[in-house]
C-alpha atoms as a PDB file:
ATOM      1  CA  MET A   1       0.000   0.000   0.000  1.00  0.00           C
ATOM      2  CA  ASP A   2       1.352   3.428  -0.861  1.00  0.00           C
ATOM      3  CA  THR A   3       1.765   6.153   1.737  1.00  0.00           C
ATOM      4  CA  ALA A   4      -1.200   8.202   0.474  1.00  0.00           C
ATOM      5  CA  ASN A   5      -3.545   5.264   1.021  1.00  0.00           C
ATOM      6  CA  GLU A   6      -1.919   4.333   4.331  1.00  0.00           C
ATOM      7  CA  ILE A   7      -2.494   7.778   5.834  1.00  0.00           C
ATOM      8  CA  LYS A   8      -6.109   7.808   4.671  1.00  0.00           C
ATOM      9  CA  LYS A   9      -6.669   4.286   6.026  1.00  0.00           C
ATOM     10  CA  LEU A  10      -5.187   5.257   9.398  1.00  0.00           C
ATOM     11  CA  ARG A  11      -7.462   8.299   9.547  1.00  0.00           C
ATOM     12  CA  THR A  12     -10.604   6.380   8.610  1.00  0.00           C
ATOM     13  CA  ASP A  13      -9.731   3.484  10.935  1.00  0.00           C
ATOM     14  CA  MET A  14      -9.528   6.030  13.744  1.00  0.00           C
ATOM     15  CA  GLY A  15     -13.006   7.257  12.783  1.00  0.00           C
ATOM     16  CA  MET A  16     -11.827  10.802  12.162  1.00  0.00           C
ATOM     17  CA  ASN A  17     -12.493  13.277   9.429  1.00  0.00           C
ATOM     18  CA  ARG A  18      -9.512  15.161   8.045  1.00  0.00           C
ATOM     19  CA  LYS A  19      -9.908  18.173  10.375  1.00  0.00           C
ATOM     20  CA  GLU A  20     -10.143  16.002  13.492  1.00  0.00           C
ATOM     21  CA  PHE A  21      -7.107  14.031  12.347  1.00  0.00           C
ATOM     22  CA  CYS A  22      -5.112  17.221  11.759  1.00  0.00           C
ATOM     23  CA  ASP A  23      -6.079  18.596  15.158  1.00  0.00           C
ATOM     24  CA  TYR A  24      -5.229  15.301  16.885  1.00  0.00           C
ATOM     25  CA  TYR A  25      -1.746  15.148  15.365  1.00  0.00           C
ATOM     26  CA  ASN A  26      -1.218  18.927  15.183  1.00  0.00           C
ATOM     27  CA  ILE A  27      -0.463  18.779  11.450  1.00  0.00           C
ATOM     28  CA  PRO A  28      -1.634  21.468   9.012  1.00  0.00           C
ATOM     29  CA  TYR A  29      -4.786  20.531   7.099  1.00  0.00           C
ATOM     30  CA  ARG A  30      -3.174  21.284   3.741  1.00  0.00           C
ATOM     31  CA  THR A  31      -0.275  18.949   4.512  1.00  0.00           C
ATOM     32  CA  VAL A  32      -2.560  15.988   5.229  1.00  0.00           C
ATOM     33  CA  THR A  33      -4.659  16.826   2.167  1.00  0.00           C
ATOM     34  CA  ASP A  34      -1.535  16.800  -0.001  1.00  0.00           C
ATOM     35  CA  TRP A  35      -0.330  13.526   1.556  1.00  0.00           C
ATOM     36  CA  GLU A  36      -3.657  11.827   0.887  1.00  0.00           C
ATOM     37  CA  ALA A  37      -3.761  13.168  -2.681  1.00  0.00           C
ATOM     38  CA  GLY A  38      -0.216  11.969  -3.320  1.00  0.00           C
ATOM     39  CA  LYS A  39       0.984  15.519  -4.029  1.00  0.00           C
ATOM     40  CA  ARG A  40       3.544  15.393  -1.232  1.00  0.00           C
ATOM     41  CA  LYS A  41       5.410  12.436   0.162  1.00  0.00           C
ATOM     42  CA  MET A  42       5.166  11.916   3.873  1.00  0.00           C
ATOM     43  CA  PRO A  43       8.364  10.757   5.596  1.00  0.00           C
ATOM     44  CA  GLU A  44       8.085   7.074   6.561  1.00  0.00           C
ATOM     45  CA  TYR A  45       8.937   7.785  10.198  1.00  0.00           C
ATOM     46  CA  VAL A  46       5.969  10.160  10.484  1.00  0.00           C
ATOM     47  CA  LEU A  47       3.532   7.406   9.545  1.00  0.00           C
ATOM     48  CA  GLU A  48       5.207   5.060  12.019  1.00  0.00           C
ATOM     49  CA  LEU A  49       4.887   7.649  14.801  1.00  0.00           C
ATOM     50  CA  MET A  50       1.244   8.273  13.915  1.00  0.00           C
ATOM     51  CA  GLU A  51       0.473   4.556  14.005  1.00  0.00           C
ATOM     52  CA  PHE A  52       2.272   4.245  17.345  1.00  0.00           C
ATOM     53  CA  LYS A  53       0.282   7.111  18.873  1.00  0.00           C
ATOM     54  CA  ALA A  54      -2.966   5.617  17.544  1.00  0.00           C
ATOM     55  CA  ASP A  55      -2.086   2.224  19.075  1.00  0.00           C
ATOM     56  CA  VAL A  56      -1.216   3.783  22.444  1.00  0.00           C
ATOM     57  CA  ASN A  57      -4.445   5.763  22.440  1.00  0.00           C
ATOM     58  CA  GLN A  58      -6.415   2.616  21.611  1.00  0.00           C
ATOM     59  CA  LEU A  59      -4.763   0.767  24.510  1.00  0.00           C
ATOM     60  CA  LYS A  60      -5.538   3.615  26.910  1.00  0.00           C
ATOM     61  CA  THR A  61      -9.162   3.612  25.798  1.00  0.00           C
ATOM     62  CA  ALA A  62      -9.422  -0.157  26.225  1.00  0.00           C
ATOM     63  CA  ASN A  63      -7.880   0.012  29.712  1.00  0.00           C
ATOM     64  CA  THR A  64     -10.258   2.785  30.745  1.00  0.00           C
ATOM     65  CA  ARG A  65     -13.245   0.661  29.734  1.00  0.00           C
ATOM     66  CA  GLU A  66     -12.022  -2.232  31.880  1.00  0.00           C
ATOM     67  CA  ILE A  67     -11.788  -0.123  35.039  1.00  0.00           C
END
């Protein structure tokens, strides 16, 4: 899967629209739009960090539900 599709998949898997996603990661809206359109290439490490933060947030949410 190419980076443009990976970023969009991450965003949709998180249940966020583009604005919510940008606010969550503190990334300019235009940057994410360009990444998803394939107009700009996102550094690989950025996607890895985003996925890590999403996983950590998911774990925190799961742990909160168990308490």
